[in-house]
N, C-alpha and C. Protein backbone atom coordinates (compact mmCIF):
# COMPACT_ATOMS: atom_id res chain seq x y z
N MET A 1 50.41 103.17 -5.52
CA MET A 1 51.04 102.07 -4.70
C MET A 1 49.96 101.22 -4.21
N PHE A 2 48.86 101.50 -3.65
CA PHE A 2 47.85 100.72 -3.20
C PHE A 2 47.23 99.91 -4.36
N GLY A 3 46.96 98.69 -4.23
CA GLY A 3 46.18 97.94 -5.21
C GLY A 3 46.78 97.82 -6.51
N ARG A 4 48.14 97.87 -6.64
CA ARG A 4 48.82 97.83 -7.95
C ARG A 4 49.66 96.61 -7.72
N ALA A 5 50.14 96.00 -8.91
CA ALA A 5 50.92 94.77 -9.01
C ALA A 5 52.48 95.27 -8.69
N TRP A 6 53.14 94.45 -8.39
CA TRP A 6 54.60 94.76 -8.16
C TRP A 6 55.26 94.02 -9.21
N PRO A 7 56.24 94.76 -9.71
CA PRO A 7 57.14 94.22 -10.89
C PRO A 7 58.10 93.05 -10.19
N LEU A 8 58.84 92.53 -11.22
CA LEU A 8 59.75 91.46 -10.61
C LEU A 8 60.91 92.00 -9.86
N ARG A 9 61.26 93.43 -10.15
CA ARG A 9 62.32 94.07 -9.30
C ARG A 9 61.68 94.69 -8.13
N ALA A 10 60.78 94.10 -7.33
CA ALA A 10 60.48 94.67 -6.16
C ALA A 10 61.47 94.88 -5.18
N PRO A 11 61.55 95.67 -4.30
CA PRO A 11 62.40 95.93 -3.24
C PRO A 11 62.61 94.83 -2.25
N VAL A 12 62.61 93.72 -2.73
CA VAL A 12 62.70 92.48 -1.71
C VAL A 12 64.11 91.76 -1.88
N ARG A 13 64.85 91.69 -0.87
CA ARG A 13 66.08 91.00 -1.20
C ARG A 13 66.37 90.05 0.02
N ASP A 14 66.90 88.92 -0.48
CA ASP A 14 67.19 87.84 0.60
C ASP A 14 65.83 87.46 1.39
N GLY A 15 64.68 87.42 0.80
CA GLY A 15 63.57 86.99 1.48
C GLY A 15 63.14 87.97 2.56
N ILE A 16 63.56 89.28 2.59
CA ILE A 16 63.11 90.26 3.47
C ILE A 16 62.04 91.16 2.77
N VAL A 17 60.91 91.20 3.26
CA VAL A 17 59.88 92.12 2.77
C VAL A 17 60.13 93.51 3.37
N PRO A 18 60.17 94.43 2.66
CA PRO A 18 60.26 95.91 3.42
C PRO A 18 58.91 96.24 3.99
N THR A 19 59.15 96.85 5.00
CA THR A 19 58.08 97.35 5.83
C THR A 19 57.51 98.59 5.28
N TRP A 20 56.25 99.11 5.62
CA TRP A 20 55.77 100.33 5.18
C TRP A 20 56.54 101.64 5.38
N PRO A 21 57.05 101.63 6.57
CA PRO A 21 58.12 102.84 6.86
C PRO A 21 59.19 102.86 5.94
N GLU A 22 59.83 101.78 5.64
CA GLU A 22 60.92 101.63 4.65
C GLU A 22 60.38 102.05 3.46
N LEU A 23 59.20 101.55 2.91
CA LEU A 23 58.70 102.03 1.50
C LEU A 23 58.43 103.41 1.50
N MET A 24 57.80 104.14 2.58
CA MET A 24 57.31 105.42 2.64
C MET A 24 58.49 106.48 2.66
N ASP A 25 59.75 106.13 3.20
CA ASP A 25 61.02 106.75 3.35
C ASP A 25 61.77 106.75 2.04
N SER A 26 61.52 105.85 1.12
CA SER A 26 62.23 105.77 -0.07
C SER A 26 61.73 106.77 -1.05
N GLU A 27 62.69 107.34 -1.84
CA GLU A 27 62.27 108.23 -3.02
C GLU A 27 61.29 107.77 -3.99
N SER A 28 61.39 106.43 -4.37
CA SER A 28 60.37 105.95 -5.27
C SER A 28 60.18 104.54 -5.09
N VAL A 29 58.88 104.10 -5.31
CA VAL A 29 58.54 102.81 -4.99
C VAL A 29 58.42 102.33 -6.46
N PRO A 30 58.99 101.04 -6.67
CA PRO A 30 58.90 100.46 -8.02
C PRO A 30 57.57 99.79 -8.23
N CYS A 31 56.52 100.69 -8.38
CA CYS A 31 55.31 100.11 -8.66
C CYS A 31 54.85 100.48 -10.17
N ILE A 32 53.95 99.76 -10.67
CA ILE A 32 53.52 99.84 -12.06
C ILE A 32 52.85 101.30 -12.16
N ASN A 33 53.10 102.04 -13.25
CA ASN A 33 52.53 103.39 -13.42
C ASN A 33 51.09 103.56 -13.42
N ASP A 34 50.60 104.61 -13.44
CA ASP A 34 49.03 104.69 -13.43
C ASP A 34 48.40 104.39 -14.71
N GLU A 35 49.02 104.28 -15.73
CA GLU A 35 48.38 103.84 -17.02
C GLU A 35 48.25 102.39 -16.97
N VAL A 36 49.28 101.64 -16.50
CA VAL A 36 49.24 100.31 -16.54
C VAL A 36 48.21 99.83 -15.29
N ALA A 37 48.38 100.58 -14.20
CA ALA A 37 47.40 100.09 -13.07
C ALA A 37 45.97 100.31 -13.32
N THR A 38 45.70 101.28 -14.37
CA THR A 38 44.27 101.34 -14.59
C THR A 38 43.82 100.86 -15.77
N GLU A 39 44.55 99.94 -16.56
CA GLU A 39 44.33 99.28 -17.72
C GLU A 39 42.93 98.54 -17.80
N TRP A 40 42.68 98.03 -16.60
CA TRP A 40 41.42 97.13 -16.52
C TRP A 40 40.20 98.05 -16.78
N LEU A 41 40.50 99.40 -16.36
CA LEU A 41 39.25 100.34 -16.56
C LEU A 41 39.21 101.05 -17.84
N ASN A 42 40.50 101.22 -18.46
CA ASN A 42 40.60 101.99 -19.73
C ASN A 42 40.47 101.16 -21.01
N ASN A 43 40.66 99.87 -20.99
CA ASN A 43 40.91 99.02 -22.07
C ASN A 43 39.68 97.99 -22.23
N GLU A 44 38.76 98.33 -23.13
CA GLU A 44 37.60 97.59 -23.12
C GLU A 44 37.92 95.93 -23.28
N THR A 45 38.88 95.61 -23.89
CA THR A 45 39.30 94.07 -24.01
C THR A 45 39.50 93.49 -22.52
N VAL A 46 40.42 94.31 -21.82
CA VAL A 46 40.65 93.80 -20.48
C VAL A 46 39.50 93.85 -19.72
N ARG A 47 38.71 94.85 -19.66
CA ARG A 47 37.48 94.99 -18.87
C ARG A 47 36.43 93.84 -19.20
N LYS A 48 36.42 93.30 -20.32
CA LYS A 48 35.48 92.25 -20.48
C LYS A 48 36.12 91.04 -19.94
N ALA A 49 37.35 90.85 -19.86
CA ALA A 49 38.21 89.64 -19.32
C ALA A 49 37.91 89.60 -17.90
N ILE A 50 37.97 90.80 -17.29
CA ILE A 50 37.95 90.88 -15.67
C ILE A 50 36.54 91.27 -15.33
N HIS A 51 35.79 90.36 -14.92
CA HIS A 51 34.34 90.73 -14.36
C HIS A 51 33.97 89.81 -13.23
N ALA A 52 32.92 90.09 -12.71
CA ALA A 52 32.47 89.34 -11.56
C ALA A 52 30.88 88.88 -11.87
N GLU A 53 30.75 87.74 -11.50
CA GLU A 53 29.30 87.29 -11.70
C GLU A 53 28.70 87.20 -10.19
N THR A 54 27.52 87.86 -10.04
CA THR A 54 26.84 87.70 -8.78
C THR A 54 26.47 86.43 -8.36
N GLY A 55 26.93 86.07 -7.23
CA GLY A 55 26.59 84.78 -6.54
C GLY A 55 27.69 83.87 -6.82
N SER A 56 28.80 84.33 -7.32
CA SER A 56 29.78 83.26 -7.57
C SER A 56 30.82 83.54 -6.55
N GLY A 57 31.77 82.50 -6.51
CA GLY A 57 32.95 82.52 -5.61
C GLY A 57 33.63 81.31 -5.70
N HIS A 58 34.73 81.25 -4.87
CA HIS A 58 35.49 79.94 -4.69
C HIS A 58 34.80 78.61 -4.35
N THR A 59 33.79 78.82 -3.81
CA THR A 59 32.95 77.73 -3.41
C THR A 59 31.80 77.12 -4.52
N VAL A 60 31.76 77.84 -5.62
CA VAL A 60 30.66 77.42 -6.63
C VAL A 60 30.92 76.04 -7.06
N PRO A 61 32.11 75.47 -7.29
CA PRO A 61 32.27 74.09 -7.77
C PRO A 61 31.86 73.15 -6.80
N GLU A 62 31.82 73.49 -5.38
CA GLU A 62 31.40 72.57 -4.36
C GLU A 62 29.82 72.53 -4.33
N TYR A 63 29.33 73.77 -4.43
CA TYR A 63 27.87 73.79 -4.11
C TYR A 63 27.00 73.86 -5.42
N LYS A 64 27.55 74.17 -6.54
CA LYS A 64 26.79 74.25 -7.82
C LYS A 64 27.64 73.55 -8.83
N PRO A 65 28.01 72.28 -8.80
CA PRO A 65 28.92 71.78 -9.73
C PRO A 65 28.58 71.73 -11.20
N ARG A 66 27.13 71.39 -11.42
CA ARG A 66 26.66 71.60 -12.84
C ARG A 66 26.87 72.99 -13.39
N GLU A 67 26.53 73.86 -12.65
CA GLU A 67 26.54 75.34 -13.28
C GLU A 67 28.10 75.76 -13.47
N ALA A 68 28.95 75.16 -12.37
CA ALA A 68 30.40 75.73 -12.59
C ALA A 68 31.06 74.81 -13.82
N PHE A 69 30.67 73.46 -13.97
CA PHE A 69 31.08 72.75 -15.02
C PHE A 69 30.67 73.43 -16.51
N ASP A 70 29.39 73.89 -16.49
CA ASP A 70 28.88 74.60 -17.65
C ASP A 70 29.60 75.90 -18.04
N LEU A 71 29.88 76.68 -16.91
CA LEU A 71 30.54 78.06 -17.01
C LEU A 71 32.08 77.58 -17.64
N PHE A 72 32.78 76.70 -16.85
CA PHE A 72 34.14 76.38 -17.48
C PHE A 72 34.27 75.72 -18.70
N SER A 73 33.18 74.91 -19.05
CA SER A 73 33.17 74.46 -20.46
C SER A 73 32.97 75.46 -21.60
N ARG A 74 32.15 76.44 -21.19
CA ARG A 74 31.81 77.46 -22.12
C ARG A 74 33.00 78.54 -22.32
N PHE A 75 33.72 78.59 -21.20
CA PHE A 75 34.98 79.40 -21.16
C PHE A 75 36.05 78.78 -22.02
N LEU A 76 36.35 77.52 -21.79
CA LEU A 76 37.37 76.70 -22.57
C LEU A 76 36.90 76.77 -24.20
N ALA A 77 35.50 76.62 -24.58
CA ALA A 77 35.24 76.72 -25.81
C ALA A 77 35.28 77.97 -26.46
N GLY A 78 35.43 79.12 -25.65
CA GLY A 78 35.26 80.50 -26.16
C GLY A 78 34.02 81.00 -26.64
N LYS A 79 33.02 80.33 -25.89
CA LYS A 79 31.49 80.74 -25.98
C LYS A 79 31.26 81.81 -24.97
N PRO A 80 30.18 82.84 -25.22
CA PRO A 80 29.87 83.72 -24.22
C PRO A 80 29.48 83.20 -23.01
N GLN A 81 29.79 83.78 -21.96
CA GLN A 81 29.27 83.49 -20.51
C GLN A 81 27.97 83.57 -20.22
């Protein structure tokens, strides 16, 4: 349940998000199963797509615009990072 994506049929109705006690009292929580939840770890293709670069973050374009543009250009061209 923790750290997993919620499907479209999550227990949310009329804009009301269930509380933790409500989720814990229910028989089942509609989360993605363990196989799907660990796909990033088990699938080599997915693991290559989801990775982190040391020293990067959401402010890279602001503080290192040339490097960010280079990374983005290579990504769009399908070249190695």
